[in-house]
Amino acid sequence: MPPSPYQLKIHGGCRWCIYHRLKDLGICCHCRAYQPLDVTVDTPSQLLQIWSVTRQYTTAPDILKNWLEDCWQQQG
């Protein structure tokens, strides 16, 4: 089965940050000026990495902080 290309509808400067981070992780993606970020997902783990990276850049910091605190409480 061929890889599945997806378009992430992410606007502004965070789109380029996400693009560079996904490239660092070895995930195939393309970002053209004034166009959505195109990402190819080959494995379930890549999908999880994409979700994690996009969440870092698109979620309000206080929500991320609360989520991290909840994770720490569940560990203890």
N, C-alpha and C. Protein backbone atom coordinates (compact mmCIF):
# COMPACT_ATOMS: atom_id res chain seq x y z
N MET A 1 0.84 -1.18 0.00
CA MET A 1 0.00 0.00 0.00
C MET A 1 0.89 1.24 0.00
N PRO A 2 0.67 2.22 -0.90
CA PRO A 2 1.51 3.40 -0.96
C PRO A 2 1.28 4.31 0.25
N PRO A 3 2.28 5.13 0.59
CA PRO A 3 2.12 6.06 1.72
C PRO A 3 0.94 7.00 1.49
N SER A 4 0.37 7.46 2.58
CA SER A 4 -0.78 8.36 2.51
C SER A 4 -0.35 9.80 2.72
N PRO A 5 -0.52 10.67 1.71
CA PRO A 5 -0.21 12.08 1.92
C PRO A 5 -1.39 12.78 2.60
N TYR A 6 -1.12 13.62 3.54
CA TYR A 6 -2.14 14.40 4.24
C TYR A 6 -1.76 15.85 4.18
N GLN A 7 -2.75 16.72 4.19
CA GLN A 7 -2.49 18.14 4.27
C GLN A 7 -2.88 18.61 5.66
N LEU A 8 -1.93 19.25 6.33
CA LEU A 8 -2.22 19.83 7.63
C LEU A 8 -2.58 21.29 7.41
N LYS A 9 -3.73 21.69 7.88
CA LYS A 9 -4.19 23.07 7.72
C LYS A 9 -3.64 23.91 8.86
N ILE A 10 -2.38 24.27 8.76
CA ILE A 10 -1.72 25.06 9.79
C ILE A 10 -1.21 26.33 9.13
N HIS A 11 -1.54 27.45 9.73
CA HIS A 11 -1.21 28.73 9.15
C HIS A 11 -0.15 29.46 9.98
N GLY A 12 0.45 30.45 9.36
CA GLY A 12 1.38 31.32 10.07
C GLY A 12 2.75 30.70 10.28
N GLY A 13 3.50 31.33 11.16
CA GLY A 13 4.88 30.94 11.41
C GLY A 13 5.05 29.56 12.00
N CYS A 14 4.06 29.09 12.76
CA CYS A 14 4.22 27.76 13.38
C CYS A 14 4.26 26.66 12.33
N ARG A 15 3.69 26.93 11.15
CA ARG A 15 3.72 25.93 10.07
C ARG A 15 5.16 25.59 9.70
N TRP A 16 6.00 26.61 9.63
CA TRP A 16 7.40 26.37 9.27
C TRP A 16 8.16 25.69 10.40
N CYS A 17 7.84 26.02 11.64
CA CYS A 17 8.46 25.34 12.78
C CYS A 17 8.10 23.86 12.78
N ILE A 18 6.84 23.56 12.52
CA ILE A 18 6.39 22.17 12.45
C ILE A 18 7.08 21.45 11.31
N TYR A 19 7.16 22.10 10.17
CA TYR A 19 7.84 21.52 9.00
C TYR A 19 9.28 21.13 9.34
N HIS A 20 10.02 22.06 9.94
CA HIS A 20 11.43 21.78 10.26
C HIS A 20 11.56 20.68 11.31
N ARG A 21 10.67 20.65 12.29
CA ARG A 21 10.74 19.60 13.31
C ARG A 21 10.43 18.23 12.71
N LEU A 22 9.43 18.16 11.82
CA LEU A 22 9.10 16.89 11.18
C LEU A 22 10.26 16.42 10.30
N LYS A 23 10.91 17.35 9.61
CA LYS A 23 12.09 17.00 8.81
C LYS A 23 13.18 16.43 9.72
N ASP A 24 13.40 17.06 10.89
CA ASP A 24 14.39 16.56 11.84
C ASP A 24 14.08 15.12 12.27
N LEU A 25 12.79 14.80 12.35
CA LEU A 25 12.37 13.46 12.76
C LEU A 25 12.38 12.47 11.60
N GLY A 26 12.71 12.94 10.40
CA GLY A 26 12.78 12.06 9.24
C GLY A 26 11.43 11.78 8.59
N ILE A 27 10.46 12.64 8.86
CA ILE A 27 9.13 12.47 8.29
C ILE A 27 9.05 13.30 7.01
N CYS A 28 8.62 12.67 5.94
CA CYS A 28 8.55 13.32 4.63
C CYS A 28 7.44 14.37 4.64
N CYS A 29 7.82 15.62 4.34
CA CYS A 29 6.84 16.69 4.28
C CYS A 29 7.34 17.79 3.35
N HIS A 30 6.39 18.58 2.87
CA HIS A 30 6.70 19.69 1.96
C HIS A 30 5.89 20.89 2.40
N CYS A 31 6.50 22.06 2.35
CA CYS A 31 5.82 23.28 2.75
C CYS A 31 6.15 24.36 1.73
N ARG A 32 5.13 24.79 1.00
CA ARG A 32 5.31 25.84 0.00
C ARG A 32 4.70 27.14 0.53
N ALA A 33 5.17 28.25 0.03
CA ALA A 33 4.65 29.54 0.47
C ALA A 33 3.14 29.63 0.22
N TYR A 34 2.42 30.06 1.25
CA TYR A 34 0.98 30.28 1.17
C TYR A 34 0.18 29.01 0.87
N GLN A 35 0.74 27.85 1.17
CA GLN A 35 0.06 26.57 0.95
C GLN A 35 0.08 25.77 2.25
N PRO A 36 -0.87 24.81 2.39
CA PRO A 36 -0.84 23.94 3.59
C PRO A 36 0.41 23.07 3.61
N LEU A 37 0.72 22.60 4.78
CA LEU A 37 1.84 21.69 4.98
C LEU A 37 1.41 20.30 4.52
N ASP A 38 2.13 19.72 3.57
CA ASP A 38 1.86 18.36 3.08
C ASP A 38 2.75 17.37 3.83
N VAL A 39 2.14 16.35 4.39
CA VAL A 39 2.88 15.36 5.18
C VAL A 39 2.53 13.97 4.68
N THR A 40 3.54 13.11 4.53
CA THR A 40 3.31 11.72 4.17
C THR A 40 3.49 10.86 5.42
N VAL A 41 2.46 10.08 5.73
CA VAL A 41 2.48 9.22 6.91
C VAL A 41 2.71 7.79 6.45
N ASP A 42 3.81 7.19 6.90
CA ASP A 42 4.13 5.82 6.52
C ASP A 42 3.81 4.80 7.61
N THR A 43 3.83 5.23 8.86
CA THR A 43 3.64 4.29 9.97
C THR A 43 2.77 4.92 11.06
N PRO A 44 2.18 4.10 11.91
CA PRO A 44 1.42 4.65 13.05
C PRO A 44 2.29 5.49 13.98
N SER A 45 3.56 5.11 14.15
CA SER A 45 4.43 5.91 15.03
C SER A 45 4.70 7.29 14.44
N GLN A 46 4.78 7.39 13.12
CA GLN A 46 4.93 8.71 12.50
C GLN A 46 3.69 9.56 12.74
N LEU A 47 2.52 8.93 12.66
CA LEU A 47 1.29 9.66 12.91
C LEU A 47 1.27 10.21 14.33
N LEU A 48 1.73 9.43 15.28
CA LEU A 48 1.81 9.88 16.67
C LEU A 48 2.81 11.03 16.82
N GLN A 49 3.96 10.93 16.14
CA GLN A 49 4.94 12.01 16.18
C GLN A 49 4.38 13.30 15.59
N ILE A 50 3.65 13.18 14.48
CA ILE A 50 3.05 14.36 13.85
C ILE A 50 2.04 15.00 14.79
N TRP A 51 1.22 14.19 15.42
CA TRP A 51 0.24 14.70 16.39
C TRP A 51 0.95 15.43 17.52
N SER A 52 2.01 14.83 18.05
CA SER A 52 2.73 15.43 19.16
C SER A 52 3.37 16.76 18.77
N VAL A 53 4.01 16.81 17.62
CA VAL A 53 4.67 18.04 17.17
C VAL A 53 3.64 19.14 16.93
N THR A 54 2.56 18.80 16.23
CA THR A 54 1.57 19.84 15.95
C THR A 54 0.90 20.33 17.23
N ARG A 55 0.70 19.44 18.17
CA ARG A 55 0.11 19.85 19.44
C ARG A 55 1.01 20.83 20.18
N GLN A 56 2.32 20.60 20.16
CA GLN A 56 3.26 21.50 20.83
C GLN A 56 3.12 22.93 20.32
N TYR A 57 2.89 23.08 19.03
CA TYR A 57 2.87 24.40 18.42
C TYR A 57 1.49 25.02 18.30
N THR A 58 0.43 24.25 18.46
CA THR A 58 -0.91 24.78 18.22
C THR A 58 -1.79 24.82 19.47
N THR A 59 -1.30 24.31 20.58
CA THR A 59 -2.06 24.29 21.83
C THR A 59 -1.55 25.37 22.76
N ALA A 60 -2.47 26.02 23.45
CA ALA A 60 -2.10 27.07 24.39
C ALA A 60 -1.16 26.52 25.47
N PRO A 61 -0.15 27.29 25.87
CA PRO A 61 0.83 26.81 26.86
C PRO A 61 0.20 26.36 28.17
N ASP A 62 -0.83 27.04 28.66
CA ASP A 62 -1.43 26.63 29.93
C ASP A 62 -2.12 25.27 29.82
N ILE A 63 -2.66 24.95 28.66
CA ILE A 63 -3.27 23.63 28.46
C ILE A 63 -2.19 22.55 28.44
N LEU A 64 -1.07 22.83 27.76
CA LEU A 64 0.04 21.87 27.76
C LEU A 64 0.60 21.66 29.16
N LYS A 65 0.69 22.74 29.93
CA LYS A 65 1.20 22.65 31.30
C LYS A 65 0.28 21.77 32.15
N ASN A 66 -1.02 22.00 32.05
CA ASN A 66 -1.98 21.18 32.82
C ASN A 66 -1.92 19.72 32.40
N TRP A 67 -1.79 19.47 31.10
CA TRP A 67 -1.69 18.10 30.60
C TRP A 67 -0.44 17.41 31.16
N LEU A 68 0.69 18.12 31.17
CA LEU A 68 1.92 17.55 31.69
C LEU A 68 1.81 17.28 33.19
N GLU A 69 1.21 18.20 33.93
CA GLU A 69 1.02 17.98 35.37
C GLU A 69 0.13 16.77 35.62
N ASP A 70 -0.92 16.59 34.83
CA ASP A 70 -1.78 15.41 34.97
C ASP A 70 -1.01 14.12 34.71
N CYS A 71 -0.11 14.15 33.71
CA CYS A 71 0.71 12.97 33.42
C CYS A 71 1.61 12.64 34.59
N TRP A 72 2.23 13.65 35.21
CA TRP A 72 3.12 13.42 36.36
C TRP A 72 2.33 12.84 37.54
N GLN A 73 1.12 13.34 37.75
CA GLN A 73 0.31 12.83 38.87
C GLN A 73 -0.09 11.38 38.66
N GLN A 74 -0.33 10.98 37.42
CA GLN A 74 -0.70 9.60 37.14
C GLN A 74 0.49 8.66 37.31
N GLN A 75 1.70 9.18 37.16
CA GLN A 75 2.91 8.35 37.34
C GLN A 75 3.13 8.01 38.81
N GLY A 76 2.73 8.87 39.71
CA GLY A 76 3.01 8.70 41.13
C GLY A 76 1.99 7.92 41.80
